[in-house]
Amino acid sequence: MRAEGTVDEAVERAIELASSPSRVVLGIAGAPGAGKSTLARRVVAAVDERFGAGTAVQVPMDGFHLANAALDALGRHDRKGAIDTFDADGYVALVRRLVAAQEPVVWAPDFDRRVDEPVAGSITVPRDTRLVVSEGNYLLDDAAPWSALPELFTETWFCAVDDRVRVDRLVGRHMRHGRDHEAARSWAVEVDGVNAARVAATVTRASWTVRT
């Protein structure tokens, strides 16, 4: 039966997972604005505080956004964040490498919201990293190649939050990155909203639901 817990309980679970001597890869899914990145940062900070700096590393799925030039060429820029605006095969391949933990170092991409672009080779994951936390919208999607992910992750968590709170967070985020209030709300409801509906249907595949 799928468990449901608070953020504090999730952090304690992450500390428990990180006490394992072998690599643990945790996937955190959820709709846009659900608090995935915030939870991931809190987990990494708590684990590092308990076991020492570098014990945990955050590797976001957003590093696999297609570049804006590629989205323009494909005619998908106006719905950036949809499932077909990511390099899904590249992300799944990275997760496999992170799970295997056979290389001295794995370099992962990050996403820079200041320029709205992915940045290759930004995050270093040494072989002795015990907990890797990766968060993103589509970690529990049943379409290939995303459907391979639940079996790769040690556990998958789903961030759940009231829709009004989630949309307000998104509006604030979009405004901080240059949109006026009307444009920010339109994107949060119309573009992010379509993606959120798809993500919501995947909650039953999660190990945990975390109320954020």
Protein backbone atom coordinates (compact mmCIF):
# COMPACT_ATOMS: atom_id res chain seq x y z
CA MET A 1 0.00 0.00 0.00
CA ARG A 2 1.30 3.41 -0.96
CA ALA A 3 2.42 5.48 2.04
CA GLU A 4 1.65 9.14 2.59
CA GLY A 5 3.67 11.41 4.82
CA THR A 6 4.87 14.89 5.65
CA VAL A 7 8.01 16.61 4.47
CA ASP A 8 9.65 15.96 7.85
CA GLU A 9 8.84 12.26 7.58
CA ALA A 10 10.21 12.18 4.05
CA VAL A 11 13.46 13.78 5.20
CA GLU A 12 13.82 11.16 7.94
CA ARG A 13 13.19 8.43 5.37
CA ALA A 14 15.92 9.89 3.15
CA ILE A 15 18.37 9.85 6.06
CA GLU A 16 17.47 6.21 6.65
CA LEU A 17 18.07 5.41 2.97
CA ALA A 18 21.40 7.23 3.00
CA SER A 19 22.62 5.08 5.88
CA SER A 20 22.95 2.22 3.40
CA PRO A 21 26.55 1.52 2.35
CA SER A 22 25.52 1.17 -1.30
CA ARG A 23 24.28 3.85 -3.72
CA VAL A 24 20.65 4.92 -3.36
CA VAL A 25 18.92 6.84 -6.17
CA LEU A 26 15.71 8.56 -5.12
CA GLY A 27 13.21 9.90 -7.65
CA ILE A 28 10.85 12.73 -6.70
CA ALA A 29 7.94 13.31 -9.09
CA GLY A 30 5.11 15.79 -9.09
CA ALA A 31 3.34 18.47 -11.09
CA PRO A 32 4.95 21.82 -11.94
CA GLY A 33 5.05 23.92 -8.78
CA ALA A 34 4.47 20.98 -6.42
CA GLY A 35 7.67 21.60 -4.48
CA LYS A 36 9.89 18.85 -5.90
CA SER A 37 13.09 20.90 -6.05
CA THR A 38 12.49 22.38 -2.60
CA LEU A 39 12.02 18.91 -1.11
CA ALA A 40 15.10 17.60 -2.92
CA ARG A 41 17.24 20.47 -1.59
CA ARG A 42 15.96 19.87 1.93
CA VAL A 43 16.72 16.14 1.69
CA VAL A 44 20.26 16.76 0.41
CA ALA A 45 20.94 19.35 3.13
CA ALA A 46 19.65 17.06 5.90
CA VAL A 47 21.62 14.04 4.67
CA ASP A 48 24.81 16.06 4.31
CA GLU A 49 24.33 17.49 7.79
CA ARG A 50 23.94 14.00 9.23
CA PHE A 51 26.67 12.16 7.31
CA GLY A 52 28.98 14.88 5.96
CA ALA A 53 29.13 17.18 2.95
CA GLY A 54 28.95 15.38 -0.39
CA THR A 55 27.03 12.37 0.91
CA ALA A 56 24.02 13.44 -1.18
CA VAL A 57 23.73 15.15 -4.57
CA GLN A 58 20.72 16.62 -6.36
CA VAL A 59 20.42 15.89 -10.10
CA PRO A 60 17.32 17.50 -11.68
CA MET A 61 15.48 16.09 -14.67
CA ASP A 62 15.25 19.70 -15.91
CA GLY A 63 18.87 19.46 -17.06
CA PHE A 64 17.44 17.46 -19.96
CA HIS A 65 15.23 20.26 -21.29
CA LEU A 66 15.84 20.64 -25.00
CA ALA A 67 17.65 23.87 -25.79
CA ASN A 68 15.49 26.81 -26.81
CA ALA A 69 16.93 26.73 -30.33
CA ALA A 70 15.91 23.08 -30.65
CA LEU A 71 12.41 23.85 -29.35
CA ASP A 72 12.10 26.67 -31.88
CA ALA A 73 13.13 24.33 -34.68
CA LEU A 74 10.60 21.72 -33.54
CA GLY A 75 7.81 24.29 -33.04
CA ARG A 76 7.43 23.38 -29.35
CA HIS A 77 8.77 26.46 -27.57
CA ASP A 78 5.28 27.71 -26.73
CA ARG A 79 4.70 24.65 -24.55
CA LYS A 80 8.13 24.21 -23.01
CA GLY A 81 7.91 21.76 -20.12
CA ALA A 82 5.66 19.28 -21.95
CA ILE A 83 6.87 15.70 -21.98
CA ASP A 84 8.16 15.91 -25.57
CA THR A 85 10.34 18.94 -24.80
CA PHE A 86 12.89 16.83 -22.90
CA ASP A 87 15.66 14.46 -23.97
CA ALA A 88 13.97 11.49 -22.32
CA ASP A 89 16.40 8.84 -23.55
CA GLY A 90 19.33 10.92 -22.34
CA TYR A 91 17.80 11.29 -18.90
CA VAL A 92 17.03 7.57 -18.56
CA ALA A 93 20.58 6.75 -19.67
CA LEU A 94 21.95 9.08 -16.98
CA VAL A 95 19.80 7.45 -14.28
CA ARG A 96 21.15 4.05 -15.34
CA ARG A 97 24.71 5.37 -14.92
CA LEU A 98 23.87 6.84 -11.53
CA VAL A 99 22.36 3.56 -10.36
CA ALA A 100 25.33 1.52 -11.62
CA ALA A 101 27.85 3.79 -9.81
CA GLN A 102 30.72 2.23 -11.75
CA GLU A 103 32.43 5.39 -13.01
CA PRO A 104 34.79 7.50 -10.87
CA VAL A 105 32.64 10.56 -11.60
CA VAL A 106 29.40 11.14 -13.50
CA TRP A 107 28.86 14.67 -14.82
CA ALA A 108 25.20 15.66 -15.06
CA PRO A 109 23.51 18.69 -16.61
CA ASP A 110 21.66 21.35 -14.64
CA PHE A 111 19.03 23.91 -15.68
CA ASP A 112 19.74 27.63 -15.34
CA ARG A 113 16.46 29.49 -14.87
CA ARG A 114 18.24 32.82 -15.32
CA VAL A 115 18.84 32.06 -18.99
CA ASP A 116 16.09 29.40 -19.30
CA GLU A 117 18.53 26.84 -20.72
CA PRO A 118 20.10 23.51 -19.71
CA VAL A 119 23.81 23.61 -18.89
CA ALA A 120 25.84 20.47 -19.62
CA GLY A 121 28.41 19.06 -17.21
CA SER A 122 27.34 21.21 -14.26
CA ILE A 123 26.83 18.64 -11.49
CA THR A 124 29.47 16.20 -10.33
CA VAL A 125 28.44 12.86 -8.82
CA PRO A 126 31.49 10.98 -7.46
CA ARG A 127 31.30 7.21 -7.16
CA ASP A 128 31.24 7.40 -3.34
CA THR A 129 28.09 9.57 -3.30
CA ARG A 130 25.59 7.54 -1.28
CA LEU A 131 22.32 9.32 -2.09
CA VAL A 132 21.40 10.81 -5.46
CA VAL A 133 18.12 12.74 -5.51
CA SER A 134 16.57 13.41 -8.92
CA GLU A 135 13.33 15.31 -9.31
CA GLY A 136 11.08 16.01 -12.27
CA ASN A 137 7.57 15.96 -13.66
CA TYR A 138 7.61 12.71 -15.62
CA LEU A 139 9.53 10.22 -13.47
CA LEU A 140 6.42 8.04 -13.12
CA ASP A 141 5.00 8.40 -16.62
CA ASP A 142 4.04 5.13 -18.32
CA ALA A 143 5.22 6.14 -21.81
CA ALA A 144 8.55 4.78 -23.01
CA PRO A 145 11.34 5.48 -22.20
CA TRP A 146 10.10 7.13 -18.98
CA SER A 147 8.37 3.90 -17.98
CA ALA A 148 11.77 2.32 -17.24
CA LEU A 149 12.47 4.75 -14.40
CA PRO A 150 10.41 3.35 -11.47
CA GLU A 151 12.37 0.09 -11.58
CA LEU A 152 15.68 1.99 -11.63
CA PHE A 153 15.00 4.24 -8.65
CA THR A 154 15.38 2.84 -5.14
CA GLU A 155 12.16 4.67 -4.25
CA THR A 156 9.89 7.15 -6.01
CA TRP A 157 8.09 9.90 -4.14
CA PHE A 158 5.21 12.04 -5.39
CA CYS A 159 4.84 15.62 -4.17
CA ALA A 160 1.18 16.52 -3.62
CA VAL A 161 -0.10 20.03 -2.94
CA ASP A 162 -3.34 21.99 -3.24
CA ASP A 163 -3.76 23.20 -6.82
CA ARG A 164 -4.35 26.81 -5.79
CA VAL A 165 -1.08 26.87 -3.88
CA ARG A 166 0.72 25.20 -6.76
CA VAL A 167 -0.57 27.70 -9.34
CA ASP A 168 0.29 30.65 -7.10
CA ARG A 169 3.84 29.33 -6.78
CA LEU A 170 4.11 29.04 -10.56
CA VAL A 171 2.78 32.54 -11.16
CA GLY A 172 5.39 33.91 -8.76
CA ARG A 173 8.14 31.88 -10.42
CA HIS A 174 7.21 33.02 -13.93
CA MET A 175 7.02 36.65 -12.81
CA ARG A 176 10.49 36.41 -11.22
CA HIS A 177 11.76 35.31 -14.60
CA GLY A 178 10.34 38.17 -16.62
CA ARG A 179 6.65 37.60 -17.35
CA ASP A 180 4.01 40.09 -16.26
CA HIS A 181 1.21 38.82 -14.01
CA GLU A 182 -1.25 38.11 -16.82
CA ALA A 183 1.27 36.21 -18.92
CA ALA A 184 2.56 34.34 -15.87
CA ARG A 185 -0.90 33.19 -14.84
CA SER A 186 -1.79 32.24 -18.40
CA TRP A 187 1.30 30.04 -18.67
CA ALA A 188 0.74 28.51 -15.22
CA VAL A 189 -2.87 27.59 -15.99
CA GLU A 190 -2.77 26.76 -19.70
CA VAL A 191 0.71 25.31 -20.34
CA ASP A 192 1.74 24.05 -16.91
CA GLY A 193 -1.85 22.98 -16.28
CA VAL A 194 -1.84 20.49 -19.16
CA ASN A 195 1.39 18.98 -17.86
CA ALA A 196 0.06 18.89 -14.29
CA ALA A 197 -2.97 16.87 -15.40
CA ARG A 198 -0.72 14.29 -17.02
CA VAL A 199 1.51 14.07 -13.96
CA ALA A 200 -1.43 13.76 -11.55
CA ALA A 201 -2.44 10.48 -13.19
CA THR A 202 0.91 8.91 -12.23
CA VAL A 203 0.58 9.24 -8.44
CA THR A 204 -0.48 5.60 -8.00
CA ARG A 205 2.96 4.43 -9.17
CA ALA A 206 4.83 6.21 -6.36
CA SER A 207 6.30 4.56 -3.28
CA TRP A 208 5.34 7.56 -1.15
CA THR A 209 3.10 10.59 -1.45
CA VAL A 210 4.61 13.59 0.32
CA ARG A 211 2.34 16.49 1.25
CA THR A 212 4.26 19.65 0.40
